[in-house]
Every structure is written in C-alpha cells, then in structure tokens.
Amino acid sequence: MTPIPLAIACLFAVTLGYAGMCTAAPFGPRRTCRGFGFEMKTDRKGQLKRGKNCRRCKASGRRIRVGRWIFNRAQRLYREGTR
C-alpha cells in the first residue's frame, strides 16, 4: 500500500472513533478544574485543599466536546431551516 491511502484510512478511523466517543459520552472533563468542579490550591504548609468553585462549568466539572458542539449546531441549523 502506498502511504497516502494508508494515511487516509488512519484519519478515517480516528474520525469515526472520535464521532463514536462524542455520541457515547458527549461531555468531557474540564481542563481547568480537571473535572473536579473546583480548583485545587495549596495552603502554607503545602497541603492540597479545595479552592473556589469553577464559574465556567458551574461546579459540574464537565464541558461539551467540540465534536458534539458541532453536531448540535448542525442539527439545530437543519431543524430551523426546514420549518
């Protein structure tokens, strides 16, 4: 096999895998609060303690994945266009 069809096949497999993941689990952990819903801070002794709640995710610790966000937008656009 030449390298170009192999690369296209790998890209297609990765795309299908990501689409399946967005379908099965549309929400992923937030990177800022690492899915906790709050920031971890250290006190003066160096021990970890709970910080403030994450305002962006409202302390849920979840964010919508990019692929699911695009799918939701496309679905909403199609629904509004066919009314």
C-alpha atoms as a PDB file:
ATOM      1  CA  MET A   1       0.000   0.000   0.000  1.00  0.00           C
ATOM      2  CA  THR A   2       1.205   3.483  -0.753  1.00  0.00           C
ATOM      3  CA  PRO A   3       1.456   5.918   2.161  1.00  0.00           C
ATOM      4  CA  ILE A   4      -1.349   8.270   1.087  1.00  0.00           C
ATOM      5  CA  PRO A   5      -4.243   5.740   1.150  1.00  0.00           C
ATOM      6  CA  LEU A   6      -2.865   4.387   4.425  1.00  0.00           C
ATOM      7  CA  ALA A   7      -2.856   7.877   5.926  1.00  0.00           C
ATOM      8  CA  ILE A   8      -6.393   8.495   4.682  1.00  0.00           C
ATOM      9  CA  ALA A   9      -7.551   5.187   6.193  1.00  0.00           C
ATOM     10  CA  CYS A  10      -5.950   6.057   9.540  1.00  0.00           C
ATOM     11  CA  LEU A  11      -7.528   9.521   9.509  1.00  0.00           C
ATOM     12  CA  PHE A  12     -10.912   7.988   8.712  1.00  0.00           C
ATOM     13  CA  ALA A  13     -10.556   5.510  11.596  1.00  0.00           C
ATOM     14  CA  VAL A  14      -9.626   8.291  14.036  1.00  0.00           C
ATOM     15  CA  THR A  15     -12.570  10.406  12.854  1.00  0.00           C
ATOM     16  CA  LEU A  16     -15.022   7.530  13.283  1.00  0.00           C
ATOM     17  CA  GLY A  17     -13.592   6.794  16.732  1.00  0.00           C
ATOM     18  CA  TYR A  18     -13.991  10.416  17.829  1.00  0.00           C
ATOM     19  CA  ALA A  19     -17.540  10.564  16.438  1.00  0.00           C
ATOM     20  CA  GLY A  20     -18.384   7.404  18.377  1.00  0.00           C
ATOM     21  CA  MET A  21     -16.908   8.875  21.553  1.00  0.00           C
ATOM     22  CA  CYS A  22     -18.900  12.103  21.103  1.00  0.00           C
ATOM     23  CA  THR A  23     -22.050  10.024  20.693  1.00  0.00           C
ATOM     24  CA  ALA A  24     -21.396   7.779  23.695  1.00  0.00           C
ATOM     25  CA  ALA A  25     -20.037  10.468  26.047  1.00  0.00           C
ATOM     26  CA  PRO A  26     -20.894  13.994  24.854  1.00  0.00           C
ATOM     27  CA  PHE A  27     -19.391  15.639  27.935  1.00  0.00           C
ATOM     28  CA  GLY A  28     -15.738  15.501  28.928  1.00  0.00           C
ATOM     29  CA  PRO A  29     -13.860  16.816  31.961  1.00  0.00           C
ATOM     30  CA  ARG A  30     -12.928  20.490  32.039  1.00  0.00           C
ATOM     31  CA  ARG A  31      -9.230  21.041  31.649  1.00  0.00           C
ATOM     32  CA  THR A  32      -9.031  23.996  34.015  1.00  0.00           C
ATOM     33  CA  CYS A  33     -10.600  22.324  37.036  1.00  0.00           C
ATOM     34  CA  ARG A  34      -9.585  18.804  35.862  1.00  0.00           C
ATOM     35  CA  GLY A  35     -13.167  17.549  36.214  1.00  0.00           C
ATOM     36  CA  PHE A  36     -13.394  18.314  39.938  1.00  0.00           C
ATOM     37  CA  GLY A  37     -15.605  21.383  39.547  1.00  0.00           C
ATOM     38  CA  PHE A  38     -13.260  23.421  41.700  1.00  0.00           C
ATOM     39  CA  GLU A  39      -9.667  24.499  41.657  1.00  0.00           C
ATOM     40  CA  MET A  40      -7.174  22.737  43.922  1.00  0.00           C
ATOM     41  CA  LYS A  41      -4.997  25.091  45.984  1.00  0.00           C
ATOM     42  CA  THR A  42      -2.203  24.553  48.451  1.00  0.00           C
ATOM     43  CA  ASP A  43      -2.122  26.072  51.887  1.00  0.00           C
ATOM     44  CA  ARG A  44       1.004  27.487  53.523  1.00  0.00           C
ATOM     45  CA  LYS A  45       2.065  24.014  54.647  1.00  0.00           C
ATOM     46  CA  GLY A  46       1.939  22.747  51.063  1.00  0.00           C
ATOM     47  CA  GLN A  47      -1.102  20.528  51.592  1.00  0.00           C
ATOM     48  CA  LEU A  48      -3.822  20.447  48.959  1.00  0.00           C
ATOM     49  CA  LYS A  49      -7.155  21.980  49.792  1.00  0.00           C
ATOM     50  CA  ARG A  50     -10.312  22.818  47.897  1.00  0.00           C
ATOM     51  CA  GLY A  51     -10.407  26.194  46.198  1.00  0.00           C
ATOM     52  CA  LYS A  52     -13.285  28.162  44.695  1.00  0.00           C
ATOM     53  CA  ASN A  53     -15.951  26.572  42.506  1.00  0.00           C
ATOM     54  CA  CYS A  54     -15.310  26.775  38.780  1.00  0.00           C
ATOM     55  CA  ARG A  55     -17.524  29.531  37.376  1.00  0.00           C
ATOM     56  CA  ARG A  56     -17.330  28.319  33.786  1.00  0.00           C
ATOM     57  CA  CYS A  57     -18.781  24.846  34.398  1.00  0.00           C
ATOM     58  CA  LYS A  58     -20.842  25.906  37.462  1.00  0.00           C
ATOM     59  CA  ALA A  59     -19.032  23.307  39.616  1.00  0.00           C
ATOM     60  CA  SER A  60     -20.130  20.344  37.484  1.00  0.00           C
ATOM     61  CA  GLY A  61     -16.619  19.670  36.165  1.00  0.00           C
ATOM     62  CA  ARG A  62     -17.931  18.878  32.678  1.00  0.00           C
ATOM     63  CA  ARG A  63     -17.671  20.554  29.281  1.00  0.00           C
ATOM     64  CA  ILE A  64     -19.294  19.707  25.974  1.00  0.00           C
ATOM     65  CA  ARG A  65     -16.913  18.117  23.472  1.00  0.00           C
ATOM     66  CA  VAL A  66     -16.090  20.024  20.273  1.00  0.00           C
ATOM     67  CA  GLY A  67     -17.496  17.308  18.011  1.00  0.00           C
ATOM     68  CA  ARG A  68     -20.773  17.212  19.932  1.00  0.00           C
ATOM     69  CA  TRP A  69     -20.977  21.015  19.862  1.00  0.00           C
ATOM     70  CA  ILE A  70     -20.578  20.993  16.060  1.00  0.00           C
ATOM     71  CA  PHE A  71     -23.183  18.220  15.738  1.00  0.00           C
ATOM     72  CA  ASN A  72     -25.662  20.150  17.917  1.00  0.00           C
ATOM     73  CA  ARG A  73     -25.151  23.311  15.850  1.00  0.00           C
ATOM     74  CA  ALA A  74     -25.632  21.468  12.550  1.00  0.00           C
ATOM     75  CA  GLN A  75     -28.739  19.717  13.854  1.00  0.00           C
ATOM     76  CA  ARG A  76     -30.234  22.994  15.102  1.00  0.00           C
ATOM     77  CA  LEU A  77     -29.456  24.720  11.791  1.00  0.00           C
ATOM     78  CA  TYR A  78     -31.107  21.904   9.832  1.00  0.00           C
ATOM     79  CA  ARG A  79     -34.163  21.897  12.110  1.00  0.00           C
ATOM     80  CA  GLU A  80     -34.619  25.679  11.815  1.00  0.00           C
ATOM     81  CA  GLY A  81     -34.073  25.594   8.052  1.00  0.00           C
ATOM     82  CA  THR A  82     -36.787  23.021   7.390  1.00  0.00           C
ATOM     83  CA  ARG A  83     -39.599  24.684   9.344  1.00  0.00           C
END
